[in-house]
Amino acid sequence: MAARQPRFNQQVLIDTTPLPDNIPKVTEIGASSAPLLSASFFIGARCKPYNDDYMVCKTEANGKGEMECMKEGRKVTRCAASVLDDINKHCLQEFRRHWECLDNNNQQLWQCRGAERPLNKCVFENLKLEKVIPGTPEGETPVHLRKRQIYAHY
């Protein structure tokens, strides 16, 4: 047995060191996982160039690019925030219905296809962003467009 008594730290540790001035300031998105998952394909569609720049920077830094890639990361955050703002502006009802469904169904996308279809339609009509799942085989119906979901509770 160890003679040392356990010590538990209940404090939240926050680094108060300000970022350098050359790193652009950006407000955090402030969304939980369900709205981010609901909008993720639209964020990916609009922010692909920024995401690619960020990933190239991280790859070239060999895992040590936290500060070096902060500018690219901030661009990604700003772009994602703009997508969420636009969706909230033009498709709030459909967006809320879809992410609340995700929140209530353990983030399982196949449980919420009924709420997803009107959201996809609204976002396409208003923002011209289309949901495309990467890696979908040619000639096969994408999973989000199928009439029946295999595991869904109907």
N, C-alpha and C. Protein backbone atom coordinates (compact mmCIF):
# COMPACT_ATOMS: atom_id res chain seq x y z
N MET A 1 0.83 -1.19 0.00
CA MET A 1 0.00 0.00 0.00
C MET A 1 0.87 1.25 0.00
N ALA A 2 0.37 2.24 -0.67
CA ALA A 2 1.11 3.50 -0.72
C ALA A 2 0.84 4.30 0.55
N ALA A 3 1.89 4.94 1.02
CA ALA A 3 1.77 5.75 2.23
C ALA A 3 1.24 7.15 1.91
N ARG A 4 1.27 7.52 0.65
CA ARG A 4 0.84 8.86 0.27
C ARG A 4 -0.69 8.93 0.20
N GLN A 5 -1.25 9.97 0.76
CA GLN A 5 -2.70 10.17 0.73
C GLN A 5 -3.11 10.77 -0.61
N PRO A 6 -4.25 10.35 -1.16
CA PRO A 6 -4.69 10.93 -2.43
C PRO A 6 -5.13 12.39 -2.24
N ARG A 7 -4.87 13.19 -3.26
CA ARG A 7 -5.30 14.59 -3.26
C ARG A 7 -6.11 14.81 -4.52
N PHE A 8 -7.25 15.39 -4.33
CA PHE A 8 -8.13 15.65 -5.45
C PHE A 8 -8.22 17.15 -5.68
N ASN A 9 -8.05 17.55 -6.90
CA ASN A 9 -8.10 18.95 -7.27
C ASN A 9 -9.44 19.22 -7.93
N GLN A 10 -10.23 20.07 -7.35
CA GLN A 10 -11.56 20.38 -7.89
C GLN A 10 -11.59 21.71 -8.63
N GLN A 11 -10.44 22.32 -8.84
CA GLN A 11 -10.39 23.61 -9.52
C GLN A 11 -10.33 23.41 -11.03
N VAL A 12 -10.92 24.34 -11.73
CA VAL A 12 -10.83 24.37 -13.18
C VAL A 12 -9.56 25.13 -13.54
N LEU A 13 -8.73 24.52 -14.34
CA LEU A 13 -7.48 25.16 -14.73
C LEU A 13 -7.67 25.87 -16.06
N ILE A 14 -7.41 27.17 -16.06
CA ILE A 14 -7.57 27.99 -17.26
C ILE A 14 -6.26 28.71 -17.51
N ASP A 15 -5.77 28.60 -18.71
CA ASP A 15 -4.56 29.31 -19.08
C ASP A 15 -4.94 30.73 -19.47
N THR A 16 -4.48 31.70 -18.69
CA THR A 16 -4.86 33.09 -18.92
C THR A 16 -3.84 33.84 -19.78
N THR A 17 -2.85 33.13 -20.29
CA THR A 17 -1.85 33.77 -21.13
C THR A 17 -2.51 34.21 -22.44
N PRO A 18 -2.44 35.49 -22.77
CA PRO A 18 -3.07 35.93 -24.02
C PRO A 18 -2.30 35.41 -25.24
N LEU A 19 -3.02 35.22 -26.31
CA LEU A 19 -2.39 34.79 -27.55
C LEU A 19 -1.62 35.96 -28.14
N PRO A 20 -0.61 35.67 -28.94
CA PRO A 20 0.13 36.76 -29.58
C PRO A 20 -0.77 37.60 -30.49
N ASP A 21 -0.36 38.85 -30.73
CA ASP A 21 -1.18 39.76 -31.54
C ASP A 21 -1.28 39.35 -33.00
N ASN A 22 -0.33 38.54 -33.49
CA ASN A 22 -0.37 38.15 -34.90
C ASN A 22 -1.42 37.06 -35.17
N ILE A 23 -2.02 36.51 -34.13
CA ILE A 23 -3.07 35.51 -34.31
C ILE A 23 -4.42 36.22 -34.26
N PRO A 24 -5.22 36.10 -35.32
CA PRO A 24 -6.50 36.82 -35.37
C PRO A 24 -7.45 36.35 -34.28
N LYS A 25 -8.20 37.29 -33.75
CA LYS A 25 -9.18 36.99 -32.70
C LYS A 25 -10.44 36.43 -33.35
N VAL A 26 -11.06 35.50 -32.66
CA VAL A 26 -12.32 34.93 -33.16
C VAL A 26 -13.14 34.49 -31.95
N THR A 27 -14.45 34.71 -32.02
CA THR A 27 -15.31 34.23 -30.94
C THR A 27 -15.63 32.77 -31.20
N GLU A 28 -15.71 32.02 -30.14
CA GLU A 28 -16.01 30.60 -30.27
C GLU A 28 -17.45 30.41 -30.74
N ILE A 29 -17.73 29.27 -31.33
CA ILE A 29 -19.05 29.01 -31.90
C ILE A 29 -20.09 28.87 -30.79
N GLY A 30 -19.77 28.14 -29.76
CA GLY A 30 -20.68 28.03 -28.63
C GLY A 30 -21.86 27.11 -28.87
N ALA A 31 -21.74 26.17 -29.78
CA ALA A 31 -22.82 25.22 -30.05
C ALA A 31 -22.45 23.86 -29.46
N SER A 32 -23.46 23.11 -29.08
CA SER A 32 -23.22 21.76 -28.57
C SER A 32 -23.05 20.80 -29.75
N SER A 33 -22.87 19.53 -29.45
CA SER A 33 -22.56 18.56 -30.50
C SER A 33 -23.73 18.32 -31.46
N ALA A 34 -24.97 18.39 -31.01
CA ALA A 34 -26.10 18.10 -31.89
C ALA A 34 -26.25 19.13 -33.01
N PRO A 35 -26.23 20.44 -32.73
CA PRO A 35 -26.29 21.39 -33.85
C PRO A 35 -25.08 21.30 -34.76
N LEU A 36 -23.91 21.04 -34.20
CA LEU A 36 -22.72 20.91 -35.04
C LEU A 36 -22.81 19.69 -35.94
N LEU A 37 -23.32 18.58 -35.42
CA LEU A 37 -23.50 17.39 -36.25
C LEU A 37 -24.54 17.64 -37.33
N SER A 38 -25.62 18.31 -36.97
CA SER A 38 -26.68 18.60 -37.93
C SER A 38 -26.16 19.45 -39.09
N ALA A 39 -25.30 20.40 -38.80
CA ALA A 39 -24.78 21.31 -39.82
C ALA A 39 -23.45 20.87 -40.41
N SER A 40 -22.92 19.76 -39.95
CA SER A 40 -21.54 19.38 -40.31
C SER A 40 -21.30 19.22 -41.81
N PHE A 41 -22.23 18.64 -42.54
CA PHE A 41 -22.01 18.44 -43.97
C PHE A 41 -22.07 19.77 -44.72
N PHE A 42 -22.89 20.70 -44.23
CA PHE A 42 -22.96 22.03 -44.85
C PHE A 42 -21.72 22.84 -44.52
N ILE A 43 -21.23 22.70 -43.30
CA ILE A 43 -19.97 23.35 -42.93
C ILE A 43 -18.85 22.80 -43.80
N GLY A 44 -18.84 21.49 -43.99
CA GLY A 44 -17.82 20.87 -44.84
C GLY A 44 -17.91 21.33 -46.28
N ALA A 45 -19.12 21.55 -46.77
CA ALA A 45 -19.29 21.99 -48.15
C ALA A 45 -18.77 23.41 -48.36
N ARG A 46 -19.11 24.30 -47.45
CA ARG A 46 -18.70 25.69 -47.63
C ARG A 46 -17.25 25.93 -47.19
N CYS A 47 -16.79 25.24 -46.18
CA CYS A 47 -15.48 25.55 -45.57
C CYS A 47 -14.37 24.60 -46.03
N LYS A 48 -14.58 23.83 -47.08
CA LYS A 48 -13.58 22.87 -47.53
C LYS A 48 -12.21 23.50 -47.78
N PRO A 49 -12.10 24.64 -48.46
CA PRO A 49 -10.76 25.20 -48.68
C PRO A 49 -10.04 25.55 -47.38
N TYR A 50 -10.77 26.09 -46.41
CA TYR A 50 -10.17 26.43 -45.13
C TYR A 50 -9.76 25.19 -44.35
N ASN A 51 -10.64 24.17 -44.38
CA ASN A 51 -10.31 22.91 -43.72
C ASN A 51 -9.07 22.27 -44.34
N ASP A 52 -9.00 22.30 -45.67
CA ASP A 52 -7.84 21.72 -46.35
C ASP A 52 -6.55 22.46 -46.00
N ASP A 53 -6.61 23.80 -45.96
CA ASP A 53 -5.43 24.58 -45.57
C ASP A 53 -4.98 24.24 -44.16
N TYR A 54 -5.94 24.10 -43.26
CA TYR A 54 -5.61 23.77 -41.88
C TYR A 54 -4.96 22.39 -41.78
N MET A 55 -5.52 21.43 -42.50
CA MET A 55 -4.98 20.06 -42.44
C MET A 55 -3.59 19.99 -43.08
N VAL A 56 -3.36 20.74 -44.15
CA VAL A 56 -2.03 20.79 -44.76
C VAL A 56 -1.03 21.37 -43.77
N CYS A 57 -1.42 22.44 -43.09
CA CYS A 57 -0.54 23.06 -42.09
C CYS A 57 -0.22 22.07 -40.97
N LYS A 58 -1.22 21.38 -40.47
CA LYS A 58 -0.99 20.41 -39.38
C LYS A 58 -0.11 19.26 -39.86
N THR A 59 -0.30 18.81 -41.09
CA THR A 59 0.51 17.71 -41.62
C THR A 59 1.96 18.15 -41.78
N GLU A 60 2.16 19.34 -42.30
CA GLU A 60 3.52 19.82 -42.51
C GLU A 60 4.24 20.10 -41.19
N ALA A 61 3.49 20.38 -40.13
CA ALA A 61 4.10 20.67 -38.83
C ALA A 61 4.42 19.39 -38.06
N ASN A 62 4.08 18.22 -38.61
CA ASN A 62 4.35 16.93 -37.96
C ASN A 62 3.83 16.85 -36.53
N GLY A 63 2.62 17.32 -36.32
CA GLY A 63 1.99 17.21 -35.01
C GLY A 63 2.41 18.26 -34.01
N LYS A 64 3.21 19.22 -34.42
CA LYS A 64 3.66 20.25 -33.48
C LYS A 64 3.24 21.64 -33.93
N GLY A 65 2.15 21.75 -34.64
CA GLY A 65 1.77 23.02 -35.24
C GLY A 65 0.64 23.74 -34.54
N GLU A 66 0.52 23.59 -33.21
CA GLU A 66 -0.59 24.23 -32.52
C GLU A 66 -0.60 25.74 -32.76
N MET A 67 0.49 26.40 -32.49
CA MET A 67 0.54 27.85 -32.65
C MET A 67 0.75 28.25 -34.12
N GLU A 68 1.50 27.44 -34.85
CA GLU A 68 1.78 27.78 -36.25
C GLU A 68 0.53 27.71 -37.11
N CYS A 69 -0.41 26.85 -36.75
CA CYS A 69 -1.61 26.65 -37.55
C CYS A 69 -2.83 27.36 -36.98
N MET A 70 -2.62 28.21 -35.98
CA MET A 70 -3.73 28.89 -35.33
C MET A 70 -4.48 29.81 -36.29
N LYS A 71 -3.79 30.48 -37.20
CA LYS A 71 -4.46 31.37 -38.16
C LYS A 71 -5.42 30.57 -39.04
N GLU A 72 -4.95 29.43 -39.54
CA GLU A 72 -5.81 28.59 -40.38
C GLU A 72 -6.98 28.04 -39.58
N GLY A 73 -6.73 27.66 -38.33
CA GLY A 73 -7.79 27.16 -37.47
C GLY A 73 -8.85 28.21 -37.19
N ARG A 74 -8.42 29.44 -37.01
CA ARG A 74 -9.37 30.53 -36.78
C ARG A 74 -10.22 30.79 -38.01
N LYS A 75 -9.65 30.62 -39.20
CA LYS A 75 -10.43 30.78 -40.43
C LYS A 75 -11.52 29.71 -40.51
N VAL A 76 -11.17 28.49 -40.12
CA VAL A 76 -12.15 27.40 -40.11
C VAL A 76 -13.28 27.74 -39.14
N THR A 77 -12.93 28.23 -37.95
CA THR A 77 -13.95 28.58 -36.95
C THR A 77 -14.86 29.69 -37.46
N ARG A 78 -14.28 30.73 -38.07
CA ARG A 78 -15.09 31.82 -38.60
C ARG A 78 -16.03 31.33 -39.70
N CYS A 79 -15.53 30.46 -40.56
CA CYS A 79 -16.36 29.93 -41.65
C CYS A 79 -17.52 29.10 -41.09
N ALA A 80 -17.21 28.23 -40.13
CA ALA A 80 -18.25 27.38 -39.52
C ALA A 80 -19.30 28.25 -38.84
N ALA A 81 -18.87 29.31 -38.16
CA ALA A 81 -19.83 30.21 -37.51
C ALA A 81 -20.72 30.89 -38.54
N SER A 82 -20.15 31.25 -39.69
CA SER A 82 -20.97 31.90 -40.73
C SER A 82 -22.01 30.94 -41.29
N VAL A 83 -21.65 29.67 -41.43
CA VAL A 83 -22.62 28.67 -41.91
C VAL A 83 -23.76 28.53 -40.90
N LEU A 84 -23.41 28.42 -39.63
CA LEU A 84 -24.45 28.28 -38.60
C LEU A 84 -25.35 29.52 -38.55
N ASP A 85 -24.76 30.70 -38.68
CA ASP A 85 -25.56 31.93 -38.71
C ASP A 85 -26.52 31.93 -39.88
N ASP A 86 -26.03 31.54 -41.06
CA ASP A 86 -26.90 31.52 -42.24
C ASP A 86 -28.01 30.49 -42.11
N ILE A 87 -27.69 29.32 -41.57
CA ILE A 87 -28.73 28.30 -41.38
C ILE A 87 -29.76 28.79 -40.38
N ASN A 88 -29.31 29.41 -39.29
CA ASN A 88 -30.25 29.95 -38.31
C ASN A 88 -31.11 31.06 -38.90
N LYS A 89 -30.55 31.83 -39.80
CA LYS A 89 -31.28 32.94 -40.42
C LYS A 89 -32.36 32.45 -41.38
N HIS A 90 -32.03 31.43 -42.18
CA HIS A 90 -32.92 31.01 -43.26
C HIS A 90 -33.71 29.74 -42.97
N CYS A 91 -33.22 28.85 -42.11
CA CYS A 91 -33.86 27.55 -41.92
C CYS A 91 -33.95 27.18 -40.44
N LEU A 92 -34.24 28.14 -39.60
CA LEU A 92 -34.20 27.91 -38.16
C LEU A 92 -35.12 26.79 -37.70
N GLN A 93 -36.35 26.78 -38.19
CA GLN A 93 -37.32 25.77 -37.76
C GLN A 93 -36.85 24.35 -38.12
N GLU A 94 -36.44 24.16 -39.35
CA GLU A 94 -36.00 22.84 -39.81
C GLU A 94 -34.71 22.42 -39.10
N PHE A 95 -33.81 23.38 -38.93
CA PHE A 95 -32.54 23.11 -38.25
C PHE A 95 -32.78 22.68 -36.81
N ARG A 96 -33.62 23.43 -36.12
CA ARG A 96 -33.91 23.10 -34.72
C ARG A 96 -34.58 21.73 -34.62
N ARG A 97 -35.51 21.44 -35.50
CA ARG A 97 -36.19 20.14 -35.46
C ARG A 97 -35.18 19.00 -35.65
N HIS A 98 -34.22 19.20 -36.57
CA HIS A 98 -33.25 18.14 -36.84
C HIS A 98 -32.27 17.96 -35.68
N TRP A 99 -31.70 19.05 -35.17
CA TRP A 99 -30.71 18.84 -34.11
C TRP A 99 -31.35 18.39 -32.81
N GLU A 100 -32.59 18.79 -32.55
CA GLU A 100 -33.27 18.28 -31.35
C GLU A 100 -33.55 16.79 -31.49
N CYS A 101 -33.88 16.34 -32.70
CA CYS A 101 -34.04 14.91 -32.95
C CYS A 101 -32.74 14.18 -32.69
N LEU A 102 -31.62 14.73 -33.19
CA LEU A 102 -30.32 14.11 -32.93
C LEU A 102 -30.02 14.07 -31.44
N ASP A 103 -30.31 15.14 -30.75
CA ASP A 103 -30.06 15.23 -29.32
C ASP A 103 -30.87 14.18 -28.56
N ASN A 104 -32.09 13.94 -29.01
CA ASN A 104 -32.97 12.98 -28.33
C ASN A 104 -32.73 11.54 -28.75
N ASN A 105 -31.97 11.32 -29.82
CA ASN A 105 -31.74 9.96 -30.33
C ASN A 105 -30.27 9.58 -30.33
N ASN A 106 -29.53 10.06 -29.34
CA ASN A 106 -28.15 9.64 -29.15
C ASN A 106 -27.27 9.91 -30.36
N GLN A 107 -27.53 11.02 -31.06
CA GLN A 107 -26.75 11.46 -32.22
C GLN A 107 -26.81 10.46 -33.39
N GLN A 108 -27.81 9.62 -33.42
CA GLN A 108 -27.94 8.62 -34.49
C GLN A 108 -28.65 9.25 -35.69
N LEU A 109 -27.87 9.50 -36.74
CA LEU A 109 -28.42 10.19 -37.90
C LEU A 109 -29.58 9.45 -38.54
N TRP A 110 -29.53 8.13 -38.57
CA TRP A 110 -30.57 7.36 -39.26
C TRP A 110 -31.92 7.47 -38.56
N GLN A 111 -31.95 7.87 -37.29
CA GLN A 111 -33.23 8.05 -36.59
C GLN A 111 -33.91 9.36 -37.00
N CYS A 112 -33.16 10.25 -37.63
CA CYS A 112 -33.66 11.61 -37.86
C CYS A 112 -33.73 11.97 -39.34
N ARG A 113 -33.82 10.99 -40.23
CA ARG A 113 -33.87 11.31 -41.66
C ARG A 113 -35.13 12.07 -42.01
N GLY A 114 -36.23 11.82 -41.32
CA GLY A 114 -37.47 12.55 -41.60
C GLY A 114 -37.32 14.04 -41.33
N ALA A 115 -36.61 14.39 -40.29
CA ALA A 115 -36.37 15.81 -39.99
C ALA A 115 -35.23 16.37 -40.84
N GLU A 116 -34.38 15.49 -41.33
CA GLU A 116 -33.21 15.94 -42.11
C GLU A 116 -33.60 16.38 -43.53
N ARG A 117 -34.54 15.70 -44.13
CA ARG A 117 -34.90 16.01 -45.52
C ARG A 117 -35.38 17.45 -45.70
N PRO A 118 -36.29 17.94 -44.85
CA PRO A 118 -36.69 19.35 -45.02
C PRO A 118 -35.52 20.32 -44.76
N LEU A 119 -34.63 19.98 -43.85
CA LEU A 119 -33.46 20.82 -43.60
C LEU A 119 -32.57 20.86 -44.83
N ASN A 120 -32.27 19.70 -45.41
CA ASN A 120 -31.43 19.66 -46.61
C ASN A 120 -32.04 20.48 -47.74
N LYS A 121 -33.36 20.36 -47.90
CA LYS A 121 -34.04 21.09 -48.96
C LYS A 121 -33.97 22.60 -48.71
N CYS A 122 -34.23 23.02 -47.49
CA CYS A 122 -34.20 24.45 -47.15
C CYS A 122 -32.80 25.03 -47.33
N VAL A 123 -31.78 24.32 -46.87
CA VAL A 123 -30.41 24.81 -46.98
C VAL A 123 -30.00 24.90 -48.45
N PHE A 124 -30.41 23.92 -49.24
CA PHE A 124 -30.07 23.96 -50.66
C PHE A 124 -30.75 25.14 -51.36
N GLU A 125 -32.03 25.33 -51.06
CA GLU A 125 -32.77 26.41 -51.71
C GLU A 125 -32.26 27.80 -51.32
N ASN A 126 -31.88 27.97 -50.05
CA ASN A 126 -31.51 29.30 -49.57
C ASN A 126 -30.01 29.57 -49.61
N LEU A 127 -29.19 28.55 -49.35
CA LEU A 127 -27.75 28.76 -49.26
C LEU A 127 -26.98 28.09 -50.39
N LYS A 128 -27.67 27.30 -51.20
CA LYS A 128 -27.04 26.56 -52.31
C LYS A 128 -25.95 25.61 -51.82
N LEU A 129 -26.13 25.05 -50.62
CA LEU A 129 -25.21 24.05 -50.08
C LEU A 129 -25.93 22.70 -50.09
N GLU A 130 -25.25 21.70 -50.63
CA GLU A 130 -25.85 20.38 -50.77
C GLU A 130 -25.11 19.40 -49.88
N LYS A 131 -25.87 18.51 -49.25
CA LYS A 131 -25.25 17.48 -48.42
C LYS A 131 -24.71 16.39 -49.32
N VAL A 132 -23.41 16.18 -49.26
CA VAL A 132 -22.74 15.13 -50.01
C VAL A 132 -21.89 14.33 -49.03
N ILE A 133 -22.11 13.04 -48.98
CA ILE A 133 -21.34 12.18 -48.09
C ILE A 133 -20.12 11.69 -48.85
N PRO A 134 -18.93 12.02 -48.37
CA PRO A 134 -17.71 11.58 -49.07
C PRO A 134 -17.61 10.05 -49.09
N GLY A 135 -17.13 9.53 -50.18
CA GLY A 135 -16.91 8.08 -50.30
C GLY A 135 -18.14 7.28 -50.67
N THR A 136 -19.22 7.94 -51.05
CA THR A 136 -20.41 7.21 -51.48
C THR A 136 -20.11 6.55 -52.82
N PRO A 137 -20.33 5.23 -52.94
CA PRO A 137 -20.03 4.54 -54.20
C PRO A 137 -20.87 5.08 -55.36
N GLU A 138 -20.26 5.11 -56.53
CA GLU A 138 -20.95 5.57 -57.74
C GLU A 138 -22.13 4.65 -58.06
N GLY A 139 -23.22 5.24 -58.48
CA GLY A 139 -24.39 4.46 -58.89
C GLY A 139 -25.22 3.95 -57.72
N GLU A 140 -24.84 4.24 -56.50
CA GLU A 140 -25.58 3.79 -55.33
C GLU A 140 -26.28 4.99 -54.69
N THR A 141 -27.50 4.78 -54.21
CA THR A 141 -28.23 5.85 -53.56
C THR A 141 -27.55 6.19 -52.23
N PRO A 142 -27.20 7.45 -52.01
CA PRO A 142 -26.58 7.82 -50.73
C PRO A 142 -27.51 7.48 -49.56
N VAL A 143 -26.93 7.16 -48.45
CA VAL A 143 -27.70 6.67 -47.31
C VAL A 143 -28.74 7.67 -46.83
N HIS A 144 -28.46 8.96 -46.94
CA HIS A 144 -29.42 9.95 -46.46
C HIS A 144 -30.59 10.17 -47.42
N LEU A 145 -30.52 9.61 -48.63
CA LEU A 145 -31.61 9.74 -49.59
C LEU A 145 -32.43 8.46 -49.72
N ARG A 146 -32.08 7.42 -49.02
CA ARG A 146 -32.82 6.16 -49.08
C ARG A 146 -34.18 6.32 -48.41
N LYS A 147 -35.17 5.64 -48.98
CA LYS A 147 -36.53 5.73 -48.47
C LYS A 147 -36.66 5.12 -47.07
N ARG A 148 -35.94 4.02 -46.84
CA ARG A 148 -36.05 3.31 -45.57
C ARG A 148 -34.68 3.14 -44.96
N GLN A 149 -34.57 3.51 -43.70
CA GLN A 149 -33.33 3.33 -42.94
C GLN A 149 -33.39 1.99 -42.23
N ILE A 150 -32.35 1.21 -42.33
CA ILE A 150 -32.37 -0.16 -41.80
C ILE A 150 -32.61 -0.22 -40.30
N TYR A 151 -31.91 0.59 -39.52
CA TYR A 151 -31.98 0.48 -38.06
C TYR A 151 -32.93 1.46 -37.41
N ALA A 152 -33.62 2.28 -38.18
CA ALA A 152 -34.46 3.32 -37.60
C ALA A 152 -35.69 2.72 -36.91
N HIS A 153 -36.14 3.40 -35.86
CA HIS A 153 -37.36 3.01 -35.15
C HIS A 153 -38.54 3.70 -35.82
N TYR A 154 -39.25 2.98 -36.65
CA TYR A 154 -40.38 3.60 -37.35
C TYR A 154 -41.65 3.40 -36.58
